[in-house]
Amino acid sequence: MATSKSKEAQQMSSPGHGYIKNWTEDMARTIAQKEGLTLTKEHIDILQVMRDFYKEYNLSPIRKLLKKAIAEKLGPDKAADDYLSNMFPNNVLVQGTRIAGIPVPQLDAELEKSVYTQSASKVDTGASHFIDEFQFEGKTYKVYPKGNLVNPEDWSEKLAEFMAKKEGVTLEKDHWEVIYYLRKHYFQYGIAPMVKLLMKFMGEKAGKDKATEEYLYKLFPDGPSRQGSRIAGLPEPQGCIDP
């Protein structure tokens, strides 16, 4: 009969590996050895950064966010692409997450289409946002069931105001500050931030008084990440979006 530890090791070795709650450094070393990799303290440090990120945000970091987290905790030299490639020859995001016992990260663009193509019968018809499509200034705009634009390149400030008005939100200076942060984060990192990431980076850029749930929910009552990203013309955030 397989032990709990061996079952977890098998899970970590699988292509679709997920989160291993009872992960240990010894377990990581066992998996790494099977891949011809001998872990050093430097490897463990990076693996721990990955696990800490996942525990805080319930989301595995994509490369740019991982490098940012490594630079903050271990220094910029250890966040360099060459350094990470030498440490994890089979790709830090694939090999590293497997050894760290967390899921492989995905960009919004890599999410399965099924997420966005649920049947209309499963959509909340009482939603305040647009569903399927809507008309604005003589043009038809397609949206996913949760109201996010199918074609983000169609977004404009005027369109955002129109979409926000549909949801009972009048965009003012504070709203725009969040919207443009959401857009900057998406185009910099390739992922729309869920609320914990939004709060972290808003705190860094705009101050702690603008990084609280109370402040952000006052601006976007249906969720600063969910509703904010929708009005900002971005895909729906992944992971734990809004509490």
C-alpha atoms as a PDB file:
ATOM      1  CA  MET A   1       0.000   0.000   0.000  1.00  0.00           C
ATOM      2  CA  ALA A   2       1.417   3.370  -1.038  1.00  0.00           C
ATOM      3  CA  THR A   3       2.273   5.759   1.765  1.00  0.00           C
ATOM      4  CA  SER A   4       0.816   9.273   1.933  1.00  0.00           C
ATOM      5  CA  LYS A   5       4.242  10.674   1.124  1.00  0.00           C
ATOM      6  CA  SER A   6       4.654   8.503  -1.976  1.00  0.00           C
ATOM      7  CA  LYS A   7       1.179   9.450  -3.207  1.00  0.00           C
ATOM      8  CA  GLU A   8       2.052  13.123  -2.855  1.00  0.00           C
ATOM      9  CA  ALA A   9       5.322  12.541  -4.681  1.00  0.00           C
ATOM     10  CA  GLN A  10       3.407  10.871  -7.527  1.00  0.00           C
ATOM     11  CA  GLN A  11       1.042  13.838  -7.681  1.00  0.00           C
ATOM     12  CA  MET A  12       3.960  16.240  -7.861  1.00  0.00           C
ATOM     13  CA  SER A  13       5.449  14.207 -10.696  1.00  0.00           C
ATOM     14  CA  SER A  14       2.289  14.350 -12.798  1.00  0.00           C
ATOM     15  CA  PRO A  15       1.875  16.872 -15.654  1.00  0.00           C
ATOM     16  CA  GLY A  16      -1.181  18.413 -13.994  1.00  0.00           C
ATOM     17  CA  HIS A  17       0.338  18.686 -10.553  1.00  0.00           C
ATOM     18  CA  GLY A  18      -1.564  20.697  -7.978  1.00  0.00           C
ATOM     19  CA  TYR A  19      -0.982  22.148  -4.538  1.00  0.00           C
ATOM     20  CA  ILE A  20       0.716  19.885  -1.986  1.00  0.00           C
ATOM     21  CA  LYS A  21      -0.282  21.068   1.492  1.00  0.00           C
ATOM     22  CA  ASN A  22       2.158  18.840   3.379  1.00  0.00           C
ATOM     23  CA  TRP A  23       5.151  19.711   1.194  1.00  0.00           C
ATOM     24  CA  THR A  24       8.605  19.298   2.732  1.00  0.00           C
ATOM     25  CA  GLU A  25      12.130  20.025   1.565  1.00  0.00           C
ATOM     26  CA  ASP A  26      12.923  16.296   1.673  1.00  0.00           C
ATOM     27  CA  MET A  27       9.985  15.595  -0.625  1.00  0.00           C
ATOM     28  CA  ALA A  28      11.225  18.284  -2.988  1.00  0.00           C
ATOM     29  CA  ARG A  29      14.707  16.780  -3.034  1.00  0.00           C
ATOM     30  CA  THR A  30      13.252  13.360  -3.893  1.00  0.00           C
ATOM     31  CA  ILE A  31      11.311  14.743  -6.856  1.00  0.00           C
ATOM     32  CA  ALA A  32      14.272  16.813  -8.020  1.00  0.00           C
ATOM     33  CA  GLN A  33      16.632  13.821  -7.903  1.00  0.00           C
ATOM     34  CA  LYS A  34      14.317  11.884 -10.212  1.00  0.00           C
ATOM     35  CA  GLU A  35      14.790  14.729 -12.694  1.00  0.00           C
ATOM     36  CA  GLY A  36      18.551  14.717 -12.299  1.00  0.00           C
ATOM     37  CA  LEU A  37      18.577  17.868 -10.204  1.00  0.00           C
ATOM     38  CA  THR A  38      20.342  18.183  -6.849  1.00  0.00           C
ATOM     39  CA  LEU A  39      18.754  20.894  -4.753  1.00  0.00           C
ATOM     40  CA  THR A  40      20.896  23.420  -2.945  1.00  0.00           C
ATOM     41  CA  LYS A  41      19.895  26.086  -0.438  1.00  0.00           C
ATOM     42  CA  GLU A  42      19.550  28.483  -3.374  1.00  0.00           C
ATOM     43  CA  HIS A  43      17.005  26.176  -5.018  1.00  0.00           C
ATOM     44  CA  ILE A  44      15.053  25.840  -1.779  1.00  0.00           C
ATOM     45  CA  ASP A  45      14.988  29.619  -1.344  1.00  0.00           C
ATOM     46  CA  ILE A  46      13.336  30.046  -4.741  1.00  0.00           C
ATOM     47  CA  LEU A  47      10.907  27.194  -4.136  1.00  0.00           C
ATOM     48  CA  GLN A  48       9.904  28.802  -0.853  1.00  0.00           C
ATOM     49  CA  VAL A  49       9.246  32.130  -2.577  1.00  0.00           C
ATOM     50  CA  MET A  50       6.939  30.298  -4.995  1.00  0.00           C
ATOM     51  CA  ARG A  51       5.071  28.568  -2.172  1.00  0.00           C
ATOM     52  CA  ASP A  52       4.777  31.779  -0.146  1.00  0.00           C
ATOM     53  CA  PHE A  53       3.289  33.546  -3.173  1.00  0.00           C
ATOM     54  CA  TYR A  54       0.763  30.744  -3.672  1.00  0.00           C
ATOM     55  CA  LYS A  55      -0.227  30.713   0.011  1.00  0.00           C
ATOM     56  CA  GLU A  56      -0.773  34.481   0.020  1.00  0.00           C
ATOM     57  CA  TYR A  57      -2.708  34.785  -3.243  1.00  0.00           C
ATOM     58  CA  ASN A  58      -4.018  31.243  -3.877  1.00  0.00           C
ATOM     59  CA  LEU A  59      -2.445  31.587  -7.305  1.00  0.00           C
ATOM     60  CA  SER A  60       0.867  30.419  -8.760  1.00  0.00           C
ATOM     61  CA  PRO A  61       3.012  33.319  -9.989  1.00  0.00           C
ATOM     62  CA  ILE A  62       3.574  33.772 -13.711  1.00  0.00           C
ATOM     63  CA  ARG A  63       7.196  34.482 -14.684  1.00  0.00           C
ATOM     64  CA  LYS A  64       7.120  38.263 -14.327  1.00  0.00           C
ATOM     65  CA  LEU A  65       5.411  38.129 -10.940  1.00  0.00           C
ATOM     66  CA  LEU A  66       7.754  35.363  -9.789  1.00  0.00           C
ATOM     67  CA  LYS A  67      10.793  37.404 -10.771  1.00  0.00           C
ATOM     68  CA  LYS A  68       9.392  40.412  -8.927  1.00  0.00           C
ATOM     69  CA  ALA A  69       8.814  38.359  -5.780  1.00  0.00           C
ATOM     70  CA  ILE A  70      12.299  36.792  -5.976  1.00  0.00           C
ATOM     71  CA  ALA A  71      13.921  40.194  -6.485  1.00  0.00           C
ATOM     72  CA  GLU A  72      12.123  41.574  -3.423  1.00  0.00           C
ATOM     73  CA  LYS A  73      13.027  38.654  -1.145  1.00  0.00           C
ATOM     74  CA  LEU A  74      16.330  37.336  -2.508  1.00  0.00           C
ATOM     75  CA  GLY A  75      17.757  40.185  -4.567  1.00  0.00           C
ATOM     76  CA  PRO A  76      17.627  41.119  -8.269  1.00  0.00           C
ATOM     77  CA  ASP A  77      20.565  38.875  -9.255  1.00  0.00           C
ATOM     78  CA  LYS A  78      18.547  35.782  -8.362  1.00  0.00           C
ATOM     79  CA  ALA A  79      15.599  37.009 -10.404  1.00  0.00           C
ATOM     80  CA  ALA A  80      17.589  37.111 -13.656  1.00  0.00           C
ATOM     81  CA  ASP A  81      16.450  34.792 -16.456  1.00  0.00           C
ATOM     82  CA  ASP A  82      19.915  33.224 -16.845  1.00  0.00           C
ATOM     83  CA  TYR A  83      20.123  32.473 -13.130  1.00  0.00           C
ATOM     84  CA  LEU A  84      16.678  30.851 -13.046  1.00  0.00           C
ATOM     85  CA  SER A  85      17.403  28.829 -16.184  1.00  0.00           C
ATOM     86  CA  ASN A  86      20.605  27.483 -14.643  1.00  0.00           C
ATOM     87  CA  MET A  87      18.805  26.605 -11.436  1.00  0.00           C
ATOM     88  CA  PHE A  88      15.862  24.912 -13.162  1.00  0.00           C
ATOM     89  CA  PRO A  89      16.978  23.737 -16.643  1.00  0.00           C
ATOM     90  CA  ASN A  90      13.522  22.368 -17.496  1.00  0.00           C
ATOM     91  CA  ASN A  91      11.775  25.708 -16.958  1.00  0.00           C
ATOM     92  CA  VAL A  92      11.287  27.283 -13.553  1.00  0.00           C
ATOM     93  CA  LEU A  93       7.522  27.582 -14.096  1.00  0.00           C
ATOM     94  CA  VAL A  94       7.085  23.891 -14.954  1.00  0.00           C
ATOM     95  CA  GLN A  95       9.909  22.115 -13.156  1.00  0.00           C
ATOM     96  CA  GLY A  96      10.015  24.642 -10.315  1.00  0.00           C
ATOM     97  CA  THR A  97       6.304  24.545  -9.533  1.00  0.00           C
ATOM     98  CA  ARG A  98       6.296  20.755  -9.700  1.00  0.00           C
ATOM     99  CA  ILE A  99       9.127  20.518  -7.177  1.00  0.00           C
ATOM    100  CA  ALA A 100       7.573  23.294  -5.069  1.00  0.00           C
ATOM    101  CA  GLY A 101       4.272  21.426  -4.939  1.00  0.00           C
ATOM    102  CA  ILE A 102       2.092  24.146  -6.478  1.00  0.00           C
ATOM    103  CA  PRO A 103       0.092  24.264  -9.744  1.00  0.00           C
ATOM    104  CA  VAL A 104       1.614  25.413 -13.018  1.00  0.00           C
ATOM    105  CA  PRO A 105       0.610  29.070 -13.546  1.00  0.00           C
ATOM    106  CA  GLN A 106      -1.555  30.124 -16.465  1.00  0.00           C
ATOM    107  CA  LEU A 107      -2.017  33.435 -18.223  1.00  0.00           C
ATOM    108  CA  ASP A 108      -5.564  34.634 -18.805  1.00  0.00           C
ATOM    109  CA  ALA A 109      -5.018  33.979 -22.496  1.00  0.00           C
ATOM    110  CA  GLU A 110      -4.220  30.348 -21.711  1.00  0.00           C
ATOM    111  CA  LEU A 111      -7.434  29.630 -19.805  1.00  0.00           C
ATOM    112  CA  GLU A 112      -9.662  27.093 -21.495  1.00  0.00           C
ATOM    113  CA  LYS A 113     -12.318  28.638 -23.690  1.00  0.00           C
ATOM    114  CA  SER A 114     -14.929  26.619 -21.808  1.00  0.00           C
ATOM    115  CA  VAL A 115     -14.549  29.080 -18.959  1.00  0.00           C
ATOM    116  CA  TYR A 116     -15.995  31.764 -21.178  1.00  0.00           C
ATOM    117  CA  THR A 117     -18.450  29.817 -23.314  1.00  0.00           C
ATOM    118  CA  GLN A 118     -20.897  28.562 -20.726  1.00  0.00           C
ATOM    119  CA  SER A 119     -24.446  28.368 -22.055  1.00  0.00           C
ATOM    120  CA  ALA A 120     -26.786  31.284 -21.635  1.00  0.00           C
ATOM    121  CA  SER A 121     -29.010  29.123 -19.402  1.00  0.00           C
ATOM    122  CA  LYS A 122     -26.222  29.152 -16.793  1.00  0.00           C
ATOM    123  CA  VAL A 123     -25.806  32.920 -16.864  1.00  0.00           C
ATOM    124  CA  ASP A 124     -27.404  35.091 -14.195  1.00  0.00           C
ATOM    125  CA  THR A 125     -30.008  36.937 -16.231  1.00  0.00           C
ATOM    126  CA  GLY A 126     -30.481  39.355 -13.349  1.00  0.00           C
ATOM    127  CA  ALA A 127     -26.894  40.595 -13.643  1.00  0.00           C
ATOM    128  CA  SER A 128     -26.416  44.340 -13.897  1.00  0.00           C
ATOM    129  CA  HIS A 129     -23.644  44.066 -16.493  1.00  0.00           C
ATOM    130  CA  PHE A 130     -24.054  43.486 -20.222  1.00  0.00           C
ATOM    131  CA  ILE A 131     -24.490  39.875 -21.344  1.00  0.00           C
ATOM    132  CA  ASP A 132     -23.698  38.427 -24.791  1.00  0.00           C
ATOM    133  CA  GLU A 133     -23.537  41.757 -26.668  1.00  0.00           C
ATOM    134  CA  PHE A 134     -24.545  45.404 -26.533  1.00  0.00           C
ATOM    135  CA  GLN A 135     -24.721  48.440 -28.807  1.00  0.00           C
ATOM    136  CA  PHE A 136     -22.708  51.629 -28.323  1.00  0.00           C
ATOM    137  CA  GLU A 137     -22.414  54.500 -30.796  1.00  0.00           C
ATOM    138  CA  GLY A 138     -23.568  52.344 -33.687  1.00  0.00           C
ATOM    139  CA  LYS A 139     -21.214  49.439 -33.019  1.00  0.00           C
ATOM    140  CA  THR A 140     -21.905  45.991 -31.571  1.00  0.00           C
ATOM    141  CA  TYR A 141     -19.642  44.818 -28.741  1.00  0.00           C
ATOM    142  CA  LYS A 142     -19.467  41.141 -27.792  1.00  0.00           C
ATOM    143  CA  VAL A 143     -18.969  40.201 -24.158  1.00  0.00           C
ATOM    144  CA  TYR A 144     -18.434  36.946 -22.291  1.00  0.00           C
ATOM    145  CA  PRO A 145     -21.154  35.683 -19.916  1.00  0.00           C
ATOM    146  CA  LYS A 146     -19.581  37.557 -16.995  1.00  0.00           C
ATOM    147  CA  GLY A 147     -19.521  40.817 -18.937  1.00  0.00           C
ATOM    148  CA  ASN A 148     -15.856  41.043 -19.983  1.00  0.00           C
ATOM    149  CA  LEU A 149     -15.136  42.248 -23.506  1.00  0.00           C
ATOM    150  CA  VAL A 150     -14.391  39.501 -26.017  1.00  0.00           C
ATOM    151  CA  ASN A 151     -12.069  41.917 -27.836  1.00  0.00           C
ATOM    152  CA  PRO A 152     -10.128  43.985 -25.252  1.00  0.00           C
ATOM    153  CA  GLU A 153      -8.745  46.160 -28.062  1.00  0.00           C
ATOM    154  CA  ASP A 154     -12.255  47.645 -28.472  1.00  0.00           C
ATOM    155  CA  TRP A 155     -11.958  49.343 -25.074  1.00  0.00           C
ATOM    156  CA  SER A 156     -11.955  53.120 -24.692  1.00  0.00           C
ATOM    157  CA  GLU A 157     -12.663  55.546 -21.870  1.00  0.00           C
ATOM    158  CA  LYS A 158     -16.033  56.413 -23.391  1.00  0.00           C
ATOM    159  CA  LEU A 159     -16.910  52.723 -23.630  1.00  0.00           C
ATOM    160  CA  ALA A 160     -15.839  52.210 -19.999  1.00  0.00           C
ATOM    161  CA  GLU A 161     -18.156  55.019 -18.889  1.00  0.00           C
ATOM    162  CA  PHE A 162     -21.017  53.430 -20.829  1.00  0.00           C
ATOM    163  CA  MET A 163     -20.381  49.981 -19.338  1.00  0.00           C
ATOM    164  CA  ALA A 164     -20.033  51.437 -15.830  1.00  0.00           C
ATOM    165  CA  LYS A 165     -23.290  53.371 -16.165  1.00  0.00           C
ATOM    166  CA  LYS A 166     -25.045  50.098 -17.032  1.00  0.00           C
ATOM    167  CA  GLU A 167     -23.818  48.775 -13.670  1.00  0.00           C
ATOM    168  CA  GLY A 168     -24.843  51.876 -11.745  1.00  0.00           C
ATOM    169  CA  VAL A 169     -21.293  53.214 -11.355  1.00  0.00           C
ATOM    170  CA  THR A 170     -20.356  56.791 -12.242  1.00  0.00           C
ATOM    171  CA  LEU A 171     -16.646  56.916 -12.988  1.00  0.00           C
ATOM    172  CA  GLU A 172     -14.714  59.623 -11.174  1.00  0.00           C
ATOM    173  CA  LYS A 173     -11.023  60.310 -10.541  1.00  0.00           C
ATOM    174  CA  ASP A 174     -10.623  57.562  -7.925  1.00  0.00           C
ATOM    175  CA  HIS A 175     -12.283  54.991 -10.193  1.00  0.00           C
ATOM    176  CA  TRP A 176      -9.973  55.887 -13.064  1.00  0.00           C
ATOM    177  CA  GLU A 177      -6.920  55.500 -10.854  1.00  0.00           C
ATOM    178  CA  VAL A 178      -7.909  51.884 -10.141  1.00  0.00           C
ATOM    179  CA  ILE A 179      -8.934  51.207 -13.741  1.00  0.00           C
ATOM    180  CA  TYR A 180      -5.622  52.384 -15.127  1.00  0.00           C
ATOM    181  CA  TYR A 181      -3.730  50.443 -12.507  1.00  0.00           C
ATOM    182  CA  LEU A 182      -5.644  47.304 -13.515  1.00  0.00           C
ATOM    183  CA  ARG A 183      -4.795  47.924 -17.163  1.00  0.00           C
ATOM    184  CA  LYS A 184      -1.135  48.646 -16.420  1.00  0.00           C
ATOM    185  CA  HIS A 185      -0.840  45.455 -14.374  1.00  0.00           C
ATOM    186  CA  TYR A 186      -2.479  43.386 -17.111  1.00  0.00           C
ATOM    187  CA  PHE A 187      -0.301  44.681 -19.927  1.00  0.00           C
ATOM    188  CA  GLN A 188       2.843  44.438 -17.799  1.00  0.00           C
ATOM    189  CA  TYR A 189       2.257  40.973 -16.361  1.00  0.00           C
ATOM    190  CA  GLY A 190      -0.270  39.410 -18.738  1.00  0.00           C
ATOM    191  CA  ILE A 191      -2.832  38.740 -16.014  1.00  0.00           C
ATOM    192  CA  ALA A 192      -5.678  40.731 -14.483  1.00  0.00           C
ATOM    193  CA  PRO A 193      -5.010  40.912 -10.731  1.00  0.00           C
ATOM    194  CA  MET A 194      -7.436  39.469  -8.212  1.00  0.00           C
ATOM    195  CA  VAL A 195      -8.164  41.563  -5.173  1.00  0.00           C
ATOM    196  CA  LYS A 196      -5.189  40.566  -2.986  1.00  0.00           C
ATOM    197  CA  LEU A 197      -2.729  41.469  -5.733  1.00  0.00           C
ATOM    198  CA  LEU A 198      -4.682  44.622  -6.499  1.00  0.00           C
ATOM    199  CA  MET A 199      -4.484  45.704  -2.854  1.00  0.00           C
ATOM    200  CA  LYS A 200      -0.764  44.921  -2.653  1.00  0.00           C
ATOM    201  CA  PHE A 201       0.196  46.935  -5.718  1.00  0.00           C
ATOM    202  CA  MET A 202      -2.261  49.770  -5.097  1.00  0.00           C
ATOM    203  CA  GLY A 203      -0.656  50.122  -1.685  1.00  0.00           C
ATOM    204  CA  GLU A 204       2.777  50.357  -3.270  1.00  0.00           C
ATOM    205  CA  LYS A 205       1.749  52.848  -5.949  1.00  0.00           C
ATOM    206  CA  ALA A 206      -1.074  54.903  -4.461  1.00  0.00           C
ATOM    207  CA  GLY A 207      -0.702  54.571  -0.701  1.00  0.00           C
ATOM    208  CA  LYS A 208      -2.152  52.303   1.967  1.00  0.00           C
ATOM    209  CA  ASP A 209      -5.333  54.363   2.330  1.00  0.00           C
ATOM    210  CA  LYS A 210      -6.255  53.348  -1.226  1.00  0.00           C
ATOM    211  CA  ALA A 211      -5.377  49.695  -0.752  1.00  0.00           C
ATOM    212  CA  THR A 212      -8.130  48.641   1.631  1.00  0.00           C
ATOM    213  CA  GLU A 213     -11.150  46.485   0.856  1.00  0.00           C
ATOM    214  CA  GLU A 214     -13.424  49.229   2.211  1.00  0.00           C
ATOM    215  CA  TYR A 215     -12.006  51.822  -0.200  1.00  0.00           C
ATOM    216  CA  LEU A 216     -11.983  49.563  -3.255  1.00  0.00           C
ATOM    217  CA  TYR A 217     -15.459  48.112  -2.670  1.00  0.00           C
ATOM    218  CA  LYS A 218     -16.865  51.604  -2.242  1.00  0.00           C
ATOM    219  CA  LEU A 219     -15.663  52.337  -5.772  1.00  0.00           C
ATOM    220  CA  PHE A 220     -16.648  48.966  -7.267  1.00  0.00           C
ATOM    221  CA  PRO A 221     -19.429  47.386  -5.144  1.00  0.00           C
ATOM    222  CA  ASP A 222     -19.560  44.246  -7.310  1.00  0.00           C
ATOM    223  CA  GLY A 223     -15.881  43.562  -6.613  1.00  0.00           C
ATOM    224  CA  PRO A 224     -12.823  45.711  -7.359  1.00  0.00           C
ATOM    225  CA  SER A 225     -11.185  42.919  -9.363  1.00  0.00           C
ATOM    226  CA  ARG A 226     -14.252  41.410 -11.021  1.00  0.00           C
ATOM    227  CA  GLN A 227     -16.195  44.581 -11.769  1.00  0.00           C
ATOM    228  CA  GLY A 228     -13.094  46.753 -12.089  1.00  0.00           C
ATOM    229  CA  SER A 229     -11.516  44.486 -14.698  1.00  0.00           C
ATOM    230  CA  ARG A 230     -14.793  44.265 -16.579  1.00  0.00           C
ATOM    231  CA  ILE A 231     -15.087  48.048 -16.846  1.00  0.00           C
ATOM    232  CA  ALA A 232     -11.356  48.299 -17.601  1.00  0.00           C
ATOM    233  CA  GLY A 233     -11.873  46.113 -20.676  1.00  0.00           C
ATOM    234  CA  LEU A 234      -9.811  43.202 -19.358  1.00  0.00           C
ATOM    235  CA  PRO A 235     -10.354  39.435 -19.092  1.00  0.00           C
ATOM    236  CA  GLU A 236     -11.791  38.125 -15.840  1.00  0.00           C
ATOM    237  CA  PRO A 237      -9.093  37.709 -13.150  1.00  0.00           C
ATOM    238  CA  GLN A 238      -8.157  34.161 -12.216  1.00  0.00           C
ATOM    239  CA  GLY A 239      -7.682  32.668  -8.771  1.00  0.00           C
ATOM    240  CA  CYS A 240      -9.624  33.956  -5.755  1.00  0.00           C
ATOM    241  CA  ILE A 241     -11.018  37.102  -7.311  1.00  0.00           C
ATOM    242  CA  ASP A 242     -13.027  39.018  -4.709  1.00  0.00           C
ATOM    243  CA  PRO A 243     -13.753  37.814  -1.151  1.00  0.00           C
END
